[in-house]
């Protein structure tokens, strides 16, 4: 499952994002989206988890939780289109 994570602290690293989700299971990838021009975080990212049950547990536990001093929003990512 691809998970959308919003309202990230601009200092949150991909490793910190991965660690937060690894508490709930296997993480295939964790990506913080960076601005092309400034190389600064855009404040959101995506996490991929292969097990949907673990992913749903992570979503329900981490949505409205605090990460690096910010309350984050976590939900299932909508496919591009």
PDB file of N, CA and C in Angstrom:
ATOM      1  N   UNK A   1       0.849  -1.186   0.000  1.00  0.00           N
ATOM      2  CA  UNK A   1       0.000   0.000   0.000  1.00  0.00           C
ATOM      3  C   UNK A   1       0.888   1.240   0.000  1.00  0.00           C
ATOM      4  N   UNK A   2       0.494   2.224  -0.772  1.00  0.00           N
ATOM      5  CA  UNK A   2       1.191   3.499  -0.813  1.00  0.00           C
ATOM      6  C   UNK A   2       0.475   4.454   0.135  1.00  0.00           C
ATOM      7  N   UNK A   3       1.238   5.063   1.045  1.00  0.00           N
ATOM      8  CA  UNK A   3       0.675   5.909   2.093  1.00  0.00           C
ATOM      9  C   UNK A   3       1.178   7.333   1.920  1.00  0.00           C
ATOM     10  N   UNK A   4       0.259   8.294   1.977  1.00  0.00           N
ATOM     11  CA  UNK A   4       0.574   9.721   1.867  1.00  0.00           C
ATOM     12  C   UNK A   4       0.749  10.286   3.278  1.00  0.00           C
ATOM     13  N   UNK A   5       1.829  11.018   3.486  1.00  0.00           N
ATOM     14  CA  UNK A   5       2.107  11.634   4.785  1.00  0.00           C
ATOM     15  C   UNK A   5       2.277  13.133   4.574  1.00  0.00           C
ATOM     16  N   UNK A   6       1.424  13.945   5.216  1.00  0.00           N
ATOM     17  CA  UNK A   6       1.449  15.400   5.035  1.00  0.00           C
ATOM     18  C   UNK A   6       1.780  16.102   6.347  1.00  0.00           C
ATOM     19  N   UNK A   7       2.057  17.400   6.228  1.00  0.00           N
ATOM     20  CA  UNK A   7       2.380  18.279   7.354  1.00  0.00           C
ATOM     21  C   UNK A   7       3.657  17.858   8.072  1.00  0.00           C
ATOM     22  N   UNK A   8       4.612  17.300   7.307  1.00  0.00           N
ATOM     23  CA  UNK A   8       5.896  16.930   7.892  1.00  0.00           C
ATOM     24  C   UNK A   8       6.702  18.163   8.258  1.00  0.00           C
ATOM     25  N   UNK A   9       7.500  18.050   9.301  1.00  0.00           N
ATOM     26  CA  UNK A   9       8.483  19.063   9.634  1.00  0.00           C
ATOM     27  C   UNK A   9       9.468  19.118   8.463  1.00  0.00           C
ATOM     28  N   UNK A  10       9.875  20.317   8.054  1.00  0.00           N
ATOM     29  CA  UNK A  10      10.792  20.436   6.921  1.00  0.00           C
ATOM     30  C   UNK A  10      12.135  19.766   7.190  1.00  0.00           C
ATOM     31  N   UNK A  11      12.451  19.515   8.461  1.00  0.00           N
ATOM     32  CA  UNK A  11      13.712  18.866   8.824  1.00  0.00           C
ATOM     33  C   UNK A  11      13.594  17.343   8.910  1.00  0.00           C
ATOM     34  N   UNK A  12      12.393  16.797   8.765  1.00  0.00           N
ATOM     35  CA  UNK A  12      12.208  15.346   8.868  1.00  0.00           C
ATOM     36  C   UNK A  12      12.920  14.653   7.711  1.00  0.00           C
ATOM     37  N   UNK A  13      13.745  13.667   8.050  1.00  0.00           N
ATOM     38  CA  UNK A  13      14.501  12.919   7.036  1.00  0.00           C
ATOM     39  C   UNK A  13      13.719  11.678   6.599  1.00  0.00           C
ATOM     40  N   UNK A  14      14.152  11.106   5.486  1.00  0.00           N
ATOM     41  CA  UNK A  14      13.525   9.868   5.021  1.00  0.00           C
ATOM     42  C   UNK A  14      13.753   8.745   6.031  1.00  0.00           C
ATOM     43  N   UNK A  15      14.913   8.750   6.696  1.00  0.00           N
ATOM     44  CA  UNK A  15      15.186   7.732   7.715  1.00  0.00           C
ATOM     45  C   UNK A  15      14.222   7.845   8.887  1.00  0.00           C
ATOM     46  N   UNK A  16      13.956   9.072   9.340  1.00  0.00           N
ATOM     47  CA  UNK A  16      13.024   9.276  10.450  1.00  0.00           C
ATOM     48  C   UNK A  16      11.619   8.835  10.054  1.00  0.00           C
ATOM     49  N   UNK A  17      11.232   9.131   8.816  1.00  0.00           N
ATOM     50  CA  UNK A  17       9.918   8.729   8.321  1.00  0.00           C
ATOM     51  C   UNK A  17       9.825   7.200   8.275  1.00  0.00           C
ATOM     52  N   UNK A  18      10.862   6.560   7.758  1.00  0.00           N
ATOM     53  CA  UNK A  18      10.908   5.092   7.685  1.00  0.00           C
ATOM     54  C   UNK A  18      10.808   4.489   9.087  1.00  0.00           C
ATOM     55  N   UNK A  19      11.569   5.016  10.038  1.00  0.00           N
ATOM     56  CA  UNK A  19      11.573   4.475  11.394  1.00  0.00           C
ATOM     57  C   UNK A  19      10.200   4.570  12.050  1.00  0.00           C
ATOM     58  N   UNK A  20       9.500   5.667  11.812  1.00  0.00           N
ATOM     59  CA  UNK A  20       8.167   5.831  12.397  1.00  0.00           C
ATOM     60  C   UNK A  20       7.218   4.734  11.905  1.00  0.00           C
ATOM     61  N   UNK A  21       7.319   4.381  10.628  1.00  0.00           N
ATOM     62  CA  UNK A  21       6.419   3.378  10.052  1.00  0.00           C
ATOM     63  C   UNK A  21       6.898   1.950  10.309  1.00  0.00           C
ATOM     64  N   UNK A  22       8.205   1.748  10.498  1.00  0.00           N
ATOM     65  CA  UNK A  22       8.723   0.400  10.744  1.00  0.00           C
ATOM     66  C   UNK A  22       8.241  -0.172  12.074  1.00  0.00           C
ATOM     67  N   UNK A  23       7.750   0.686  12.965  1.00  0.00           N
ATOM     68  CA  UNK A  23       7.179   0.191  14.219  1.00  0.00           C
ATOM     69  C   UNK A  23       5.949  -0.680  13.958  1.00  0.00           C
ATOM     70  N   UNK A  24       5.350  -0.546  12.776  1.00  0.00           N
ATOM     71  CA  UNK A  24       4.114  -1.271  12.458  1.00  0.00           C
ATOM     72  C   UNK A  24       4.334  -2.411  11.468  1.00  0.00           C
ATOM     73  N   UNK A  25       5.531  -2.524  10.898  1.00  0.00           N
ATOM     74  CA  UNK A  25       5.807  -3.611   9.965  1.00  0.00           C
ATOM     75  C   UNK A  25       6.873  -3.241   8.952  1.00  0.00           C
ATOM     76  N   UNK A  26       6.921  -4.029   7.894  1.00  0.00           N
ATOM     77  CA  UNK A  26       7.925  -3.867   6.850  1.00  0.00           C
ATOM     78  C   UNK A  26       7.633  -2.629   6.006  1.00  0.00           C
ATOM     79  N   UNK A  27       8.684  -1.852   5.759  1.00  0.00           N
ATOM     80  CA  UNK A  27       8.581  -0.668   4.899  1.00  0.00           C
ATOM     81  C   UNK A  27       9.446  -0.900   3.668  1.00  0.00           C
ATOM     82  N   UNK A  28       8.823  -0.845   2.486  1.00  0.00           N
ATOM     83  CA  UNK A  28       9.583  -0.996   1.238  1.00  0.00           C
ATOM     84  C   UNK A  28      10.334   0.279   0.897  1.00  0.00           C
ATOM     85  N   UNK A  29       9.693   1.432   1.102  1.00  0.00           N
ATOM     86  CA  UNK A  29      10.354   2.702   0.793  1.00  0.00           C
ATOM     87  C   UNK A  29       9.707   3.829   1.576  1.00  0.00           C
ATOM     88  N   UNK A  30      10.513   4.856   1.836  1.00  0.00           N
ATOM     89  CA  UNK A  30      10.025   6.082   2.481  1.00  0.00           C
ATOM     90  C   UNK A  30      10.673   7.237   1.732  1.00  0.00           C
ATOM     91  N   UNK A  31       9.853   8.152   1.230  1.00  0.00           N
ATOM     92  CA  UNK A  31      10.365   9.239   0.396  1.00  0.00           C
ATOM     93  C   UNK A  31       9.778  10.564   0.855  1.00  0.00           C
ATOM     94  N   UNK A  32      10.650  11.505   1.181  1.00  0.00           N
ATOM     95  CA  UNK A  32      10.230  12.874   1.469  1.00  0.00           C
ATOM     96  C   UNK A  32      10.381  13.649   0.163  1.00  0.00           C
ATOM     97  N   UNK A  33       9.330  14.330  -0.264  1.00  0.00           N
ATOM     98  CA  UNK A  33       9.348  15.052  -1.539  1.00  0.00           C
ATOM     99  C   UNK A  33      10.092  16.374  -1.353  1.00  0.00           C
ATOM    100  N   UNK A  34      11.083  16.601  -2.222  1.00  0.00           N
ATOM    101  CA  UNK A  34      11.934  17.783  -2.139  1.00  0.00           C
ATOM    102  C   UNK A  34      11.625  18.749  -3.286  1.00  0.00           C
ATOM    103  N   UNK A  35      11.750  20.040  -2.997  1.00  0.00           N
ATOM    104  CA  UNK A  35      11.605  21.070  -4.027  1.00  0.00           C
ATOM    105  C   UNK A  35      12.809  20.998  -4.955  1.00  0.00           C
ATOM    106  N   UNK A  36      12.555  20.978  -6.243  1.00  0.00           N
ATOM    107  CA  UNK A  36      13.621  20.853  -7.230  1.00  0.00           C
ATOM    108  C   UNK A  36      14.607  22.016  -7.182  1.00  0.00           C
ATOM    109  N   UNK A  37      14.090  23.225  -6.980  1.00  0.00           N
ATOM    110  CA  UNK A  37      14.933  24.423  -7.036  1.00  0.00           C
ATOM    111  C   UNK A  37      15.710  24.665  -5.744  1.00  0.00           C
ATOM    112  N   UNK A  38      15.032  24.520  -4.598  1.00  0.00           N
ATOM    113  CA  UNK A  38      15.671  24.867  -3.322  1.00  0.00           C
ATOM    114  C   UNK A  38      16.278  23.661  -2.603  1.00  0.00           C
ATOM    115  N   UNK A  39      15.950  22.439  -3.056  1.00  0.00           N
ATOM    116  CA  UNK A  39      16.385  21.201  -2.403  1.00  0.00           C
ATOM    117  C   UNK A  39      15.903  21.117  -0.954  1.00  0.00           C
ATOM    118  N   UNK A  40      14.805  21.821  -0.656  1.00  0.00           N
ATOM    119  CA  UNK A  40      14.204  21.794   0.674  1.00  0.00           C
ATOM    120  C   UNK A  40      12.946  20.921   0.627  1.00  0.00           C
ATOM    121  N   UNK A  41      12.639  20.292   1.741  1.00  0.00           N
ATOM    122  CA  UNK A  41      11.444  19.457   1.818  1.00  0.00           C
ATOM    123  C   UNK A  41      10.194  20.279   1.506  1.00  0.00           C
ATOM    124  N   UNK A  42       9.237  19.646   0.819  1.00  0.00           N
ATOM    125  CA  UNK A  42       7.951  20.299   0.560  1.00  0.00           C
ATOM    126  C   UNK A  42       6.964  20.038   1.696  1.00  0.00           C
ATOM    127  N   UNK A  43       7.377  19.247   2.696  1.00  0.00           N
ATOM    128  CA  UNK A  43       6.522  19.013   3.850  1.00  0.00           C
ATOM    129  C   UNK A  43       5.581  17.828   3.706  1.00  0.00           C
ATOM    130  N   UNK A  44       5.823  16.996   2.689  1.00  0.00           N
ATOM    131  CA  UNK A  44       5.022  15.778   2.566  1.00  0.00           C
ATOM    132  C   UNK A  44       5.861  14.671   1.959  1.00  0.00           C
ATOM    133  N   UNK A  45       5.352  13.457   2.062  1.00  0.00           N
ATOM    134  CA  UNK A  45       6.093  12.324   1.518  1.00  0.00           C
ATOM    135  C   UNK A  45       5.192  11.116   1.351  1.00  0.00           C
ATOM    136  N   UNK A  46       5.822  10.019   0.964  1.00  0.00           N
ATOM    137  CA  UNK A  46       5.109   8.767   0.723  1.00  0.00           C
ATOM    138  C   UNK A  46       5.875   7.610   1.351  1.00  0.00           C
ATOM    139  N   UNK A  47       5.126   6.650   1.873  1.00  0.00           N
ATOM    140  CA  UNK A  47       5.703   5.435   2.442  1.00  0.00           C
ATOM    141  C   UNK A  47       5.009   4.263   1.779  1.00  0.00           C
ATOM    142  N   UNK A  48       5.788   3.262   1.353  1.00  0.00           N
ATOM    143  CA  UNK A  48       5.212   2.050   0.768  1.00  0.00           C
ATOM    144  C   UNK A  48       5.401   0.895   1.730  1.00  0.00           C
ATOM    145  N   UNK A  49       4.286   0.215   2.037  1.00  0.00           N
ATOM    146  CA  UNK A  49       4.312  -0.966   2.901  1.00  0.00           C
ATOM    147  C   UNK A  49       3.642  -2.117   2.153  1.00  0.00           C
ATOM    148  N   UNK A  50       4.301  -3.296   2.093  1.00  0.00           N
ATOM    149  CA  UNK A  50       3.746  -4.409   1.312  1.00  0.00           C
ATOM    150  C   UNK A  50       2.534  -5.075   1.957  1.00  0.00           C
ATOM    151  N   UNK A  51       2.404  -5.018   3.285  1.00  0.00           N
ATOM    152  CA  UNK A  51       1.314  -5.686   3.988  1.00  0.00           C
ATOM    153  C   UNK A  51       0.215  -4.675   4.298  1.00  0.00           C
ATOM    154  N   UNK A  52      -0.963  -4.870   3.703  1.00  0.00           N
ATOM    155  CA  UNK A  52      -2.062  -3.909   3.881  1.00  0.00           C
ATOM    156  C   UNK A  52      -2.535  -3.813   5.326  1.00  0.00           C
ATOM    157  N   UNK A  53      -2.529  -4.927   6.076  1.00  0.00           N
ATOM    158  CA  UNK A  53      -2.954  -4.888   7.473  1.00  0.00           C
ATOM    159  C   UNK A  53      -2.001  -4.022   8.297  1.00  0.00           C
ATOM    160  N   UNK A  54      -0.694  -4.196   8.082  1.00  0.00           N
ATOM    161  CA  UNK A  54       0.296  -3.381   8.778  1.00  0.00           C
ATOM    162  C   UNK A  54       0.169  -1.917   8.367  1.00  0.00           C
ATOM    163  N   UNK A  55      -0.070  -1.689   7.082  1.00  0.00           N
ATOM    164  CA  UNK A  55      -0.216  -0.322   6.575  1.00  0.00           C
ATOM    165  C   UNK A  55      -1.433   0.362   7.199  1.00  0.00           C
ATOM    166  N   UNK A  56      -2.553  -0.343   7.270  1.00  0.00           N
ATOM    167  CA  UNK A  56      -3.761   0.233   7.876  1.00  0.00           C
ATOM    168  C   UNK A  56      -3.553   0.528   9.358  1.00  0.00           C
ATOM    169  N   UNK A  57      -2.811  -0.343  10.045  1.00  0.00           N
ATOM    170  CA  UNK A  57      -2.503  -0.109  11.469  1.00  0.00           C
ATOM    171  C   UNK A  57      -1.636   1.141  11.610  1.00  0.00           C
ATOM    172  N   UNK A  58      -0.654   1.304  10.725  1.00  0.00           N
ATOM    173  CA  UNK A  58       0.214   2.483  10.754  1.00  0.00           C
ATOM    174  C   UNK A  58      -0.589   3.753  10.487  1.00  0.00           C
ATOM    175  N   UNK A  59      -1.496   3.696   9.516  1.00  0.00           N
ATOM    176  CA  UNK A  59      -2.321   4.865   9.183  1.00  0.00           C
ATOM    177  C   UNK A  59      -3.162   5.274  10.391  1.00  0.00           C
ATOM    178  N   UNK A  60      -3.848   4.307  10.996  1.00  0.00           N
ATOM    179  CA  UNK A  60      -4.732   4.655  12.117  1.00  0.00           C
ATOM    180  C   UNK A  60      -3.940   5.121  13.337  1.00  0.00           C
ATOM    181  N   UNK A  61      -2.756   4.584  13.540  1.00  0.00           N
ATOM    182  CA  UNK A  61      -1.956   4.968  14.712  1.00  0.00           C
ATOM    183  C   UNK A  61      -1.211   6.282  14.515  1.00  0.00           C
ATOM    184  N   UNK A  62      -0.717   6.540  13.305  1.00  0.00           N
ATOM    185  CA  UNK A  62       0.128   7.710  13.079  1.00  0.00           C
ATOM    186  C   UNK A  62      -0.632   8.956  12.621  1.00  0.00           C
ATOM    187  N   UNK A  63      -1.856   8.792  12.107  1.00  0.00           N
ATOM    188  CA  UNK A  63      -2.624   9.967  11.704  1.00  0.00           C
ATOM    189  C   UNK A  63      -2.893  10.830  12.934  1.00  0.00           C
ATOM    190  N   UNK A  64      -2.612  12.109  12.839  1.00  0.00           N
ATOM    191  CA  UNK A  64      -2.746  13.074  13.946  1.00  0.00           C
ATOM    192  C   UNK A  64      -1.753  12.817  15.083  1.00  0.00           C
ATOM    193  N   UNK A  65      -0.691  12.056  14.804  1.00  0.00           N
ATOM    194  CA  UNK A  65       0.375  11.837  15.793  1.00  0.00           C
ATOM    195  C   UNK A  65       1.466  12.886  15.579  1.00  0.00           C
ATOM    196  N   UNK A  66       2.365  12.993  16.548  1.00  0.00           N
ATOM    197  CA  UNK A  66       3.443  13.967  16.443  1.00  0.00           C
ATOM    198  C   UNK A  66       4.721  13.296  15.941  1.00  0.00           C
ATOM    199  N   UNK A  67       5.354  13.922  14.960  1.00  0.00           N
ATOM    200  CA  UNK A  67       6.641  13.460  14.439  1.00  0.00           C
ATOM    201  C   UNK A  67       7.526  14.687  14.261  1.00  0.00           C
ATOM    202  N   UNK A  68       8.659  14.696  14.929  1.00  0.00           N
ATOM    203  CA  UNK A  68       9.597  15.828  14.864  1.00  0.00           C
ATOM    204  C   UNK A  68       8.920  17.165  15.198  1.00  0.00           C
ATOM    205  N   UNK A  69       8.025  17.137  16.186  1.00  0.00           N
ATOM    206  CA  UNK A  69       7.404  18.368  16.658  1.00  0.00           C
ATOM    207  C   UNK A  69       6.212  18.857  15.857  1.00  0.00           C
ATOM    208  N   UNK A  70       5.785  18.099  14.859  1.00  0.00           N
ATOM    209  CA  UNK A  70       4.608  18.495  14.057  1.00  0.00           C
ATOM    210  C   UNK A  70       3.565  17.390  14.104  1.00  0.00           C
ATOM    211  N   UNK A  71       2.299  17.769  14.092  1.00  0.00           N
ATOM    212  CA  UNK A  71       1.212  16.797  14.005  1.00  0.00           C
ATOM    213  C   UNK A  71       1.011  16.452  12.541  1.00  0.00           C
ATOM    214  N   UNK A  72       1.237  15.188  12.203  1.00  0.00           N
ATOM    215  CA  UNK A  72       1.202  14.773  10.795  1.00  0.00           C
ATOM    216  C   UNK A  72      -0.168  14.220  10.413  1.00  0.00           C
ATOM    217  N   UNK A  73      -0.433  14.232   9.111  1.00  0.00           N
ATOM    218  CA  UNK A  73      -1.645  13.652   8.540  1.00  0.00           C
ATOM    219  C   UNK A  73      -1.210  12.448   7.721  1.00  0.00           C
ATOM    220  N   UNK A  74      -1.825  11.300   7.975  1.00  0.00           N
ATOM    221  CA  UNK A  74      -1.448  10.056   7.302  1.00  0.00           C
ATOM    222  C   UNK A  74      -2.704   9.419   6.721  1.00  0.00           C
ATOM    223  N   UNK A  75      -2.658   9.103   5.422  1.00  0.00           N
ATOM    224  CA  UNK A  75      -3.797   8.427   4.791  1.00  0.00           C
ATOM    225  C   UNK A  75      -3.326   7.635   3.580  1.00  0.00           C
ATOM    226  N   UNK A  76      -4.191   6.752   3.118  1.00  0.00           N
ATOM    227  CA  UNK A  76      -3.864   5.964   1.926  1.00  0.00           C
ATOM    228  C   UNK A  76      -3.738   6.915   0.737  1.00  0.00           C
ATOM    229  N   UNK A  77      -2.671   6.744  -0.032  1.00  0.00           N
ATOM    230  CA  UNK A  77      -2.438   7.621  -1.181  1.00  0.00           C
ATOM    231  C   UNK A  77      -3.402   7.274  -2.307  1.00  0.00           C
ATOM    232  N   UNK A  78      -3.920   8.304  -2.952  1.00  0.00           N
ATOM    233  CA  UNK A  78      -4.763   8.094  -4.137  1.00  0.00           C
ATOM    234  C   UNK A  78      -3.855   7.898  -5.336  1.00  0.00           C
ATOM    235  N   UNK A  79      -4.204   6.975  -6.241  1.00  0.00           N
ATOM    236  CA  UNK A  79      -3.377   6.776  -7.428  1.00  0.00           C
ATOM    237  C   UNK A  79      -3.343   8.045  -8.287  1.00  0.00           C
ATOM    238  N   UNK A  80      -2.215   8.259  -8.947  1.00  0.00           N
ATOM    239  CA  UNK A  80      -2.111   9.415  -9.853  1.00  0.00           C
ATOM    240  C   UNK A  80      -3.085   9.252 -10.996  1.00  0.00           C
ATOM    241  N   UNK A  81      -3.574  10.356 -11.504  1.00  0.00           N
ATOM    242  CA  UNK A  81      -4.481  10.222 -12.632  1.00  0.00           C
ATOM    243  C   UNK A  81      -5.207  11.453 -12.818  1.00  0.00           C
TER     244      UNK A  81
END
